[in-house]
Amino acid sequence: MSTPPVFDADRMVLEIPHCGHAKPPWRWFEVDLDQLTPTALRHDLPAAAAGAQLSAMTRHQQAEPITVLLARDRTKHVTHLQFEATGDRHAHAAVSMVRDQGLVPLPARHLSRPPTASELARLADRLASLGAPIIKIAYPALFPAHVDEAVRLLERWDHTTTALALIPMGSRRGRAAAHAAGSRLMWIPPRPTRDRWGPADHQPPDHPATPSCEESLL
């Protein structure tokens, strides 16, 4: 099994149930906008996590349902909105709507099968054409060759214009390889899973382990 990447708070996103669970040394957090209850949605960041990046994630693809979600009474600390970017017309409309809300759009695609190298490159270019500062592609990496495709694309990608978060799913080794190749972000679950390390695995050596988000829920 590969070794967890060296802790880099600017490139790791801790998935949390709601904003109240945000805590140093993490600086990026993600909440599930589709699943948050009205009460959880209103939780603000603790003072210790002030200035953190907070991404709200939705599985919706079109601007209209995303607008409805964002219209709810919510914490003011959300900085980014991740949505599924399928179809150029819908994706462009969603990017514009997210910007109108004062948030940073994060167009994403979660694929059901491994893309070929050319498909992966074309998809990355298409997402980059939306004009968002960061994009995300996640796909199942069933074999080492699928991880290699991610690494090769990351090694030649210009992150100065559009940062690329590329996630070959299915193994810790694949996620670590993409992270080492320059993937802009890596998502960390509240508890470790078969293919992902948990928060305690990524703590810097001089910082105490973060308790499980599930154990400290509410």
Protein backbone atom coordinates (compact mmCIF):
# COMPACT_ATOMS: atom_id res chain seq x y z
CA MET A 1 0.00 0.00 0.00
CA SER A 2 1.30 3.44 -0.87
CA THR A 3 2.19 6.05 1.75
CA PRO A 4 -0.26 8.93 2.38
CA PRO A 5 0.85 12.13 0.62
CA VAL A 6 2.68 14.70 2.70
CA PHE A 7 0.12 16.96 4.34
CA ASP A 8 -0.65 20.05 2.25
CA ALA A 9 -3.65 21.93 3.63
CA ASP A 10 -4.01 23.92 0.40
CA ARG A 11 -4.49 20.79 -1.73
CA MET A 12 -6.62 18.58 0.49
CA VAL A 13 -10.38 18.93 0.91
CA LEU A 14 -11.88 17.49 4.10
CA GLU A 15 -15.46 16.31 3.61
CA ILE A 16 -17.53 17.41 6.61
CA PRO A 17 -21.21 17.03 7.59
CA HIS A 18 -21.62 20.80 8.03
CA CYS A 19 -19.52 23.92 8.59
CA GLY A 20 -19.43 23.47 12.35
CA HIS A 21 -16.96 20.59 11.86
CA ALA A 22 -14.32 22.72 10.13
CA LYS A 23 -11.09 22.98 12.11
CA PRO A 24 -7.37 23.66 11.59
CA PRO A 25 -4.99 22.61 10.21
CA TRP A 26 -7.34 21.96 7.29
CA ARG A 27 -8.05 24.93 5.00
CA TRP A 28 -10.38 23.34 2.41
CA PHE A 29 -13.72 21.77 3.30
CA GLU A 30 -16.67 20.33 1.39
CA VAL A 31 -20.31 19.97 2.40
CA ASP A 32 -23.01 18.08 0.52
CA LEU A 33 -25.53 20.74 -0.50
CA ASP A 34 -28.05 18.10 -1.63
CA GLN A 35 -28.10 16.37 1.77
CA LEU A 36 -27.79 19.24 4.25
CA THR A 37 -30.82 19.85 6.44
CA PRO A 38 -32.02 23.47 6.84
CA THR A 39 -30.49 23.57 10.33
CA ALA A 40 -27.14 22.14 9.20
CA LEU A 41 -27.02 24.51 6.26
CA ARG A 42 -27.07 27.51 8.60
CA HIS A 43 -24.03 26.41 10.63
CA ASP A 44 -21.13 28.86 10.32
CA LEU A 45 -17.42 28.18 10.37
CA PRO A 46 -15.84 28.16 13.84
CA ALA A 47 -13.57 31.14 14.53
CA ALA A 48 -10.53 28.86 14.39
CA ALA A 49 -11.32 28.03 10.75
CA ALA A 50 -11.91 31.62 9.61
CA GLY A 51 -10.72 32.25 6.07
CA ALA A 52 -11.03 28.62 4.99
CA GLN A 53 -12.25 27.62 1.53
CA LEU A 54 -15.69 25.98 1.76
CA SER A 55 -17.07 24.17 -1.27
CA ALA A 56 -20.71 23.13 -1.47
CA MET A 57 -21.24 20.11 -3.69
CA THR A 58 -24.37 19.26 -5.68
CA ARG A 59 -25.11 16.44 -8.09
CA HIS A 60 -27.40 18.68 -10.12
CA GLN A 61 -26.41 19.70 -13.64
CA GLN A 62 -28.70 22.60 -14.52
CA ALA A 63 -28.78 26.13 -13.16
CA GLU A 64 -32.44 26.11 -12.08
CA PRO A 65 -32.34 23.42 -9.36
CA ILE A 66 -28.96 24.70 -8.15
CA THR A 67 -30.47 28.17 -7.79
CA VAL A 68 -33.24 26.72 -5.63
CA LEU A 69 -30.69 25.04 -3.37
CA LEU A 70 -28.66 28.22 -3.00
CA ALA A 71 -31.78 30.28 -2.27
CA ARG A 72 -32.20 28.55 1.08
CA ASP A 73 -31.04 30.27 4.24
CA ARG A 74 -27.39 29.20 4.32
CA THR A 75 -24.06 29.98 5.89
CA LYS A 76 -22.27 32.98 4.43
CA HIS A 77 -18.97 31.12 4.40
CA VAL A 78 -19.53 29.07 1.22
CA THR A 79 -16.85 30.09 -1.32
CA HIS A 80 -17.18 27.47 -4.11
CA LEU A 81 -19.99 25.53 -5.75
CA GLN A 82 -19.18 22.17 -7.34
CA PHE A 83 -21.73 20.90 -9.87
CA GLU A 84 -21.90 18.24 -12.59
CA ALA A 85 -21.01 19.89 -15.90
CA THR A 86 -22.84 17.87 -18.55
CA GLY A 87 -23.81 19.56 -21.79
CA ASP A 88 -22.16 22.80 -22.83
CA ARG A 89 -25.32 24.94 -22.71
CA HIS A 90 -26.34 23.82 -19.23
CA ALA A 91 -22.75 24.04 -17.95
CA HIS A 92 -22.23 27.60 -19.20
CA ALA A 93 -25.56 28.65 -17.65
CA ALA A 94 -24.59 27.05 -14.33
CA VAL A 95 -21.18 28.76 -14.31
CA SER A 96 -22.84 32.15 -14.90
CA MET A 97 -25.44 31.54 -12.20
CA VAL A 98 -22.83 30.47 -9.64
CA ARG A 99 -20.80 33.61 -10.35
CA ASP A 100 -23.94 35.74 -10.01
CA GLN A 101 -24.32 34.25 -6.51
CA GLY A 102 -20.84 35.53 -5.65
CA LEU A 103 -19.34 32.02 -5.58
CA VAL A 104 -16.49 30.38 -7.47
CA PRO A 105 -17.78 27.74 -9.91
CA LEU A 106 -16.16 24.31 -9.78
CA PRO A 107 -17.42 22.31 -12.80
CA ALA A 108 -16.96 18.58 -12.27
CA ARG A 109 -17.53 15.30 -14.06
CA HIS A 110 -17.81 11.97 -12.30
CA LEU A 111 -17.52 9.29 -14.95
CA SER A 112 -18.96 5.78 -14.74
CA ARG A 113 -16.15 4.17 -16.73
CA PRO A 114 -12.44 4.80 -17.29
CA PRO A 115 -11.89 7.21 -20.23
CA THR A 116 -9.26 6.67 -22.86
CA ALA A 117 -6.32 9.06 -22.79
CA SER A 118 -7.81 11.10 -25.65
CA GLU A 119 -11.26 11.17 -24.05
CA LEU A 120 -9.78 12.36 -20.78
CA ALA A 121 -7.82 15.14 -22.49
CA ARG A 122 -10.86 16.28 -24.49
CA LEU A 123 -13.05 16.36 -21.40
CA ALA A 124 -10.48 18.39 -19.48
CA ASP A 125 -10.22 20.86 -22.35
CA ARG A 126 -14.02 21.13 -22.58
CA LEU A 127 -14.36 21.83 -18.86
CA ALA A 128 -11.53 24.36 -19.02
CA SER A 129 -13.37 26.19 -21.80
CA LEU A 130 -16.10 27.07 -19.29
CA GLY A 131 -13.74 29.67 -17.86
CA ALA A 132 -13.82 28.48 -14.23
CA PRO A 133 -10.55 28.76 -12.28
CA ILE A 134 -10.67 25.11 -11.22
CA ILE A 135 -12.21 21.94 -12.68
CA LYS A 136 -12.54 18.36 -11.46
CA ILE A 137 -12.68 14.97 -13.17
CA ALA A 138 -13.15 11.72 -11.26
CA TYR A 139 -13.33 8.28 -12.82
CA PRO A 140 -12.85 4.62 -11.86
CA ALA A 141 -9.26 3.55 -12.43
CA LEU A 142 -9.51 -0.22 -12.73
CA PHE A 143 -5.92 -0.87 -13.84
CA PRO A 144 -2.55 0.89 -13.45
CA ALA A 145 -2.84 2.16 -17.04
CA HIS A 146 -5.86 4.22 -16.04
CA VAL A 147 -3.82 5.91 -13.31
CA ASP A 148 -0.96 6.48 -15.77
CA GLU A 149 -3.35 8.40 -18.05
CA ALA A 150 -4.17 10.78 -15.21
CA VAL A 151 -0.51 11.26 -14.35
CA ARG A 152 0.47 12.01 -17.95
CA LEU A 153 -2.30 14.58 -18.36
CA LEU A 154 -1.43 16.27 -15.07
CA GLU A 155 2.26 16.45 -15.93
CA ARG A 156 1.56 18.45 -19.09
CA TRP A 157 -1.41 20.48 -17.81
CA ASP A 158 -1.01 24.25 -17.34
CA HIS A 159 -2.57 24.91 -13.93
CA THR A 160 -1.89 28.66 -14.09
CA THR A 161 -4.99 29.26 -16.24
CA THR A 162 -7.29 26.49 -15.06
CA ALA A 163 -6.36 24.29 -12.11
CA LEU A 164 -7.18 20.61 -12.68
CA ALA A 165 -8.24 18.25 -9.90
CA LEU A 166 -7.99 14.76 -11.38
CA ILE A 167 -9.15 11.81 -9.28
CA PRO A 168 -8.50 8.22 -10.42
CA MET A 169 -10.85 6.39 -8.05
CA GLY A 170 -10.53 2.84 -6.77
CA SER A 171 -7.22 2.72 -4.93
CA ARG A 172 -5.16 4.76 -2.50
CA ARG A 173 -2.15 4.28 -4.77
CA GLY A 174 -3.95 5.90 -7.71
CA ARG A 175 -5.09 8.90 -5.68
CA ALA A 176 -1.58 9.36 -4.29
CA ALA A 177 -0.05 9.18 -7.78
CA ALA A 178 -2.39 11.88 -9.10
CA HIS A 179 -1.70 14.05 -6.08
CA ALA A 180 2.06 13.68 -6.60
CA ALA A 181 1.66 14.57 -10.29
CA GLY A 182 0.04 17.90 -9.39
CA SER A 183 -3.69 17.27 -9.07
CA ARG A 184 -4.98 20.52 -7.56
CA LEU A 185 -7.17 18.93 -4.89
CA MET A 186 -7.64 15.58 -3.18
CA TRP A 187 -10.80 14.83 -1.22
CA ILE A 188 -10.56 13.24 2.25
CA PRO A 189 -13.58 11.39 3.72
CA PRO A 190 -14.62 11.72 7.40
CA ARG A 191 -13.46 8.14 8.00
CA PRO A 192 -10.95 6.00 6.07
CA THR A 193 -12.30 3.69 3.38
CA ARG A 194 -10.80 0.89 1.32
CA ASP A 195 -9.49 3.30 -1.32
CA ARG A 196 -9.06 6.50 0.71
CA TRP A 197 -7.08 7.43 3.80
CA GLY A 198 -8.90 9.20 6.62
CA PRO A 199 -8.15 12.58 8.23
CA ALA A 200 -5.73 11.22 10.85
CA ASP A 201 -3.54 9.72 8.10
CA HIS A 202 -2.95 13.16 6.61
CA GLN A 203 -2.24 15.16 9.76
CA PRO A 204 1.07 17.02 9.83
CA PRO A 205 3.47 15.44 12.38
CA ASP A 206 3.28 18.40 14.76
CA HIS A 207 -0.51 18.50 14.95
CA PRO A 208 -2.85 16.18 16.91
CA ALA A 209 -5.13 13.89 14.94
CA THR A 210 -8.52 15.22 13.90
CA PRO A 211 -11.39 13.28 15.51
CA SER A 212 -13.72 11.46 13.15
CA CYS A 213 -16.36 13.81 11.78
CA GLU A 214 -18.97 11.09 12.16
CA GLU A 215 -18.09 10.55 15.82
CA SER A 216 -18.36 14.27 16.57
CA LEU A 217 -21.51 14.90 14.51
CA LEU A 218 -23.66 17.62 16.07
